[in-house]
C-alpha atoms as a PDB file:
ATOM      1  CA  MET A   1      50.931  51.183  10.677  1.00  0.00           C
ATOM      2  CA  ASN A   2      47.603  51.284   8.915  1.00  0.00           C
ATOM      3  CA  ARG A   3      46.972  52.634   5.290  1.00  0.00           C
ATOM      4  CA  ARG A   4      44.891  55.556   6.578  1.00  0.00           C
ATOM      5  CA  THR A   5      47.935  56.820   8.558  1.00  0.00           C
ATOM      6  CA  LEU A   6      50.242  56.088   5.741  1.00  0.00           C
ATOM      7  CA  LEU A   7      48.216  57.973   3.282  1.00  0.00           C
ATOM      8  CA  GLN A   8      47.709  60.971   5.500  1.00  0.00           C
ATOM      9  CA  SER A   9      51.498  61.160   5.884  1.00  0.00           C
ATOM     10  CA  LEU A  10      51.997  61.397   2.247  1.00  0.00           C
ATOM     11  CA  PRO A  11      51.123  64.597   0.308  1.00  0.00           C
ATOM     12  CA  ALA A  12      48.021  63.897  -1.481  1.00  0.00           C
ATOM     13  CA  ALA A  13      49.086  65.734  -4.652  1.00  0.00           C
ATOM     14  CA  ALA A  14      51.967  63.654  -4.910  1.00  0.00           C
ATOM     15  CA  LEU A  15      50.259  60.354  -5.065  1.00  0.00           C
ATOM     16  CA  LEU A  16      48.140  60.561  -8.227  1.00  0.00           C
ATOM     17  CA  LYS A  17      46.811  63.753  -9.679  1.00  0.00           C
ATOM     18  CA  SER A  18      43.197  64.064  -8.775  1.00  0.00           C
ATOM     19  CA  ALA A  19      42.515  60.356  -8.161  1.00  0.00           C
ATOM     20  CA  ALA A  20      40.154  59.228  -5.404  1.00  0.00           C
ATOM     21  CA  TRP A  21      41.622  57.049  -2.762  1.00  0.00           C
ATOM     22  CA  PRO A  22      39.173  54.747  -1.054  1.00  0.00           C
ATOM     23  CA  ILE A  23      40.826  53.088   1.998  1.00  0.00           C
ATOM     24  CA  THR A  24      39.490  49.468   2.063  1.00  0.00           C
ATOM     25  CA  ASN A  25      40.497  45.825   1.960  1.00  0.00           C
ATOM     26  CA  LYS A  26      37.250  45.128  -0.092  1.00  0.00           C
ATOM     27  CA  GLU A  27      37.432  44.380  -3.700  1.00  0.00           C
ATOM     28  CA  PRO A  28      35.339  46.798  -5.964  1.00  0.00           C
ATOM     29  CA  SER A  29      31.882  45.437  -6.431  1.00  0.00           C
ATOM     30  CA  PRO A  30      30.462  45.572  -9.935  1.00  0.00           C
ATOM     31  CA  THR A  31      26.981  46.109  -8.591  1.00  0.00           C
ATOM     32  CA  ARG A  32      28.015  49.203  -6.389  1.00  0.00           C
ATOM     33  CA  GLU A  33      26.574  52.535  -7.445  1.00  0.00           C
ATOM     34  CA  ASN A  34      29.214  54.370  -9.796  1.00  0.00           C
ATOM     35  CA  ALA A  35      31.337  51.211 -10.052  1.00  0.00           C
ATOM     36  CA  MET A  36      33.300  50.831 -13.230  1.00  0.00           C
ATOM     37  CA  PRO A  37      32.674  47.841 -15.402  1.00  0.00           C
ATOM     38  CA  SER A  38      35.006  44.905 -14.946  1.00  0.00           C
ATOM     39  CA  THR A  39      36.577  45.718 -18.318  1.00  0.00           C
ATOM     40  CA  SER A  40      37.842  49.059 -17.143  1.00  0.00           C
ATOM     41  CA  SER A  41      41.244  49.506 -15.769  1.00  0.00           C
ATOM     42  CA  VAL A  42      41.961  48.959 -12.064  1.00  0.00           C
ATOM     43  CA  TYR A  43      44.590  50.471 -10.158  1.00  0.00           C
ATOM     44  CA  GLU A  44      46.504  48.733  -7.383  1.00  0.00           C
ATOM     45  CA  LEU A  45      47.954  50.689  -4.473  1.00  0.00           C
ATOM     46  CA  ARG A  46      50.991  48.636  -2.999  1.00  0.00           C
ATOM     47  CA  ILE A  47      52.613  49.453   0.241  1.00  0.00           C
ATOM     48  CA  TYR A  48      55.668  47.577   1.148  1.00  0.00           C
ATOM     49  CA  HIS A  49      56.730  47.588   4.761  1.00  0.00           C
ATOM     50  CA  VAL A  50      60.497  46.945   4.503  1.00  0.00           C
ATOM     51  CA  ASN A  51      62.743  45.103   6.894  1.00  0.00           C
ATOM     52  CA  GLU A  52      65.161  47.517   8.629  1.00  0.00           C
ATOM     53  CA  GLY A  53      67.972  48.562   6.613  1.00  0.00           C
ATOM     54  CA  LYS A  54      66.709  46.734   3.311  1.00  0.00           C
ATOM     55  CA  LEU A  55      65.061  49.711   1.453  1.00  0.00           C
ATOM     56  CA  ASP A  56      68.021  50.484  -0.688  1.00  0.00           C
ATOM     57  CA  GLU A  57      68.244  46.758  -1.608  1.00  0.00           C
ATOM     58  CA  LEU A  58      64.545  46.720  -2.449  1.00  0.00           C
ATOM     59  CA  LEU A  59      64.681  49.832  -4.525  1.00  0.00           C
ATOM     60  CA  ARG A  60      67.676  48.575  -6.455  1.00  0.00           C
ATOM     61  CA  ARG A  61      65.618  45.189  -7.059  1.00  0.00           C
ATOM     62  CA  PHE A  62      62.717  47.282  -8.563  1.00  0.00           C
ATOM     63  CA  ARG A  63      64.955  49.608 -10.615  1.00  0.00           C
ATOM     64  CA  ASP A  64      67.211  46.850 -12.045  1.00  0.00           C
ATOM     65  CA  HIS A  65      64.672  43.984 -12.488  1.00  0.00           C
ATOM     66  CA  THR A  66      61.124  44.205 -11.029  1.00  0.00           C
ATOM     67  CA  ILE A  67      59.714  47.057 -13.325  1.00  0.00           C
ATOM     68  CA  ALA A  68      60.769  45.176 -16.400  1.00  0.00           C
ATOM     69  CA  LEU A  69      59.131  42.066 -15.135  1.00  0.00           C
ATOM     70  CA  PHE A  70      56.035  44.014 -14.494  1.00  0.00           C
ATOM     71  CA  ASN A  71      55.999  45.228 -17.971  1.00  0.00           C
ATOM     72  CA  LYS A  72      56.571  41.664 -19.391  1.00  0.00           C
ATOM     73  CA  HIS A  73      53.401  40.658 -17.426  1.00  0.00           C
ATOM     74  CA  ASN A  74      51.116  43.530 -18.546  1.00  0.00           C
ATOM     75  CA  MET A  75      51.383  45.324 -15.134  1.00  0.00           C
ATOM     76  CA  LYS A  76      51.829  48.997 -15.959  1.00  0.00           C
ATOM     77  CA  SER A  77      53.872  51.015 -13.290  1.00  0.00           C
ATOM     78  CA  LEU A  78      52.312  54.401 -12.726  1.00  0.00           C
ATOM     79  CA  ALA A  79      54.463  56.019  -9.996  1.00  0.00           C
ATOM     80  CA  PHE A  80      56.661  55.069  -7.041  1.00  0.00           C
ATOM     81  CA  TRP A  81      57.322  56.991  -3.777  1.00  0.00           C
ATOM     82  CA  THR A  82      59.246  56.790  -0.637  1.00  0.00           C
ATOM     83  CA  PRO A  83      57.988  58.788   2.390  1.00  0.00           C
ATOM     84  CA  THR A  84      60.221  61.579   3.462  1.00  0.00           C
ATOM     85  CA  ASP A  85      59.079  61.754   7.275  1.00  0.00           C
ATOM     86  CA  ASP A  86      59.204  59.716  10.091  1.00  0.00           C
ATOM     87  CA  PRO A  87      57.952  57.104  10.982  1.00  0.00           C
ATOM     88  CA  LEU A  88      57.861  55.656   7.437  1.00  0.00           C
ATOM     89  CA  LYS A  89      61.059  57.251   6.135  1.00  0.00           C
ATOM     90  CA  GLY A  90      63.580  54.648   5.145  1.00  0.00           C
ATOM     91  CA  LYS A  91      61.285  51.647   5.589  1.00  0.00           C
ATOM     92  CA  THR A  92      58.313  52.002   3.129  1.00  0.00           C
ATOM     93  CA  LEU A  93      57.780  51.964  -0.533  1.00  0.00           C
ATOM     94  CA  VAL A  94      54.389  53.001  -2.076  1.00  0.00           C
ATOM     95  CA  TYR A  95      53.504  52.562  -5.617  1.00  0.00           C
ATOM     96  CA  ILE A  96      50.710  52.182  -8.080  1.00  0.00           C
ATOM     97  CA  LEU A  97      50.131  49.638 -10.805  1.00  0.00           C
ATOM     98  CA  GLU A  98      47.479  49.808 -13.573  1.00  0.00           C
ATOM     99  CA  HIS A  99      45.921  46.544 -14.727  1.00  0.00           C
ATOM    100  CA  PRO A 100      43.387  46.153 -17.692  1.00  0.00           C
ATOM    101  CA  SER A 101      40.835  44.606 -15.246  1.00  0.00           C
ATOM    102  CA  ARG A 102      40.665  42.956 -11.889  1.00  0.00           C
ATOM    103  CA  GLU A 103      40.691  39.514 -13.447  1.00  0.00           C
ATOM    104  CA  ALA A 104      43.713  40.506 -15.396  1.00  0.00           C
ATOM    105  CA  ALA A 105      45.383  41.690 -12.229  1.00  0.00           C
ATOM    106  CA  THR A 106      44.990  38.109 -10.604  1.00  0.00           C
ATOM    107  CA  SER A 107      46.335  36.436 -13.802  1.00  0.00           C
ATOM    108  CA  ASN A 108      49.266  38.988 -14.137  1.00  0.00           C
ATOM    109  CA  TRP A 109      50.329  38.365 -10.599  1.00  0.00           C
ATOM    110  CA  GLN A 110      50.097  34.635 -10.865  1.00  0.00           C
ATOM    111  CA  ALA A 111      52.209  34.778 -14.161  1.00  0.00           C
ATOM    112  CA  PHE A 112      54.700  37.175 -12.403  1.00  0.00           C
ATOM    113  CA  ARG A 113      55.123  34.931  -9.269  1.00  0.00           C
ATOM    114  CA  ASP A 114      55.417  31.790 -11.523  1.00  0.00           C
ATOM    115  CA  ASP A 115      58.258  33.485 -13.831  1.00  0.00           C
ATOM    116  CA  PRO A 116      61.601  31.699 -13.391  1.00  0.00           C
ATOM    117  CA  GLU A 117      63.286  35.047 -13.915  1.00  0.00           C
ATOM    118  CA  TRP A 118      61.463  36.708 -10.926  1.00  0.00           C
ATOM    119  CA  GLN A 119      62.085  33.720  -8.857  1.00  0.00           C
ATOM    120  CA  SER A 120      65.825  33.964  -9.375  1.00  0.00           C
ATOM    121  CA  VAL A 121      65.921  37.740  -8.861  1.00  0.00           C
ATOM    122  CA  ARG A 122      63.934  37.470  -5.600  1.00  0.00           C
ATOM    123  CA  ASP A 123      66.094  34.614  -4.448  1.00  0.00           C
ATOM    124  CA  LYS A 124      69.412  36.533  -5.179  1.00  0.00           C
ATOM    125  CA  SER A 125      68.248  39.701  -3.704  1.00  0.00           C
ATOM    126  CA  GLU A 126      67.087  37.940  -0.513  1.00  0.00           C
ATOM    127  CA  ALA A 127      70.365  35.920  -0.054  1.00  0.00           C
ATOM    128  CA  ASN A 128      70.973  38.037   3.142  1.00  0.00           C
ATOM    129  CA  GLY A 129      67.552  38.043   4.527  1.00  0.00           C
ATOM    130  CA  LYS A 130      64.052  38.973   3.339  1.00  0.00           C
ATOM    131  CA  LEU A 131      63.710  42.537   2.165  1.00  0.00           C
ATOM    132  CA  VAL A 132      59.912  43.109   2.830  1.00  0.00           C
ATOM    133  CA  ASP A 133      58.159  42.326   6.069  1.00  0.00           C
ATOM    134  CA  HIS A 134      54.640  42.613   4.488  1.00  0.00           C
ATOM    135  CA  ILE A 135      52.704  44.259   1.751  1.00  0.00           C
ATOM    136  CA  ASP A 136      49.247  45.997   1.875  1.00  0.00           C
ATOM    137  CA  SER A 137      47.393  45.942  -1.485  1.00  0.00           C
ATOM    138  CA  THR A 138      44.223  47.847  -2.306  1.00  0.00           C
ATOM    139  CA  TYR A 139      42.387  47.660  -5.620  1.00  0.00           C
ATOM    140  CA  LEU A 140      40.856  51.068  -6.759  1.00  0.00           C
ATOM    141  CA  VAL A 141      38.755  52.313  -9.569  1.00  0.00           C
ATOM    142  CA  LEU A 142      38.470  56.019 -10.688  1.00  0.00           C
ATOM    143  CA  THR A 143      35.397  57.691  -9.706  1.00  0.00           C
ATOM    144  CA  ASP A 144      33.189  59.185 -12.256  1.00  0.00           C
ATOM    145  CA  PHE A 145      34.006  62.698 -11.411  1.00  0.00           C
ATOM    146  CA  SER A 146      37.907  62.123 -11.564  1.00  0.00           C
ATOM    147  CA  PRO A 147      39.679  63.717 -14.334  1.00  0.00           C
ATOM    148  CA  PRO A 148      41.430  61.402 -16.610  1.00  0.00           C
ATOM    149  CA  LEU A 149      44.988  60.310 -15.543  1.00  0.00           C
ATOM    150  CA  GLN A 150      47.837  62.002 -17.074  1.00  0.00           C
ATOM    151  CA  ARG A 151      50.316  59.672 -18.742  1.00  0.00           C
END
């Protein structure tokens, strides 16, 4: 399922209050009109396509370990959702992270992947098979007309 279909199936108001959602695999270009400077926060929309029957295990891993590791690596969790309707119900996790910059996002993810604690948590949680089939990631910047995010 593509991101456009996924986003259309989620209530827009539930995603992130008044945020704009470009659907693209392209990175934000600093020369693009209305683009935010690279020192501004960037938001990362992540969609996990979960293997059959593994959503509860993935949610448990996030609840018990992953969010704390995100915090450790300067990756601020804004919100998490699971779809309520088919065909995504029971096999999709959607969330948004905030990073200080795009460069920081790259560095944060590398530090996260290299963290021995994360590697241990991942390996233990996947002892009975991989939890996630694949992940879609899209980096976003707020538009100049977007109201500030409520925290």
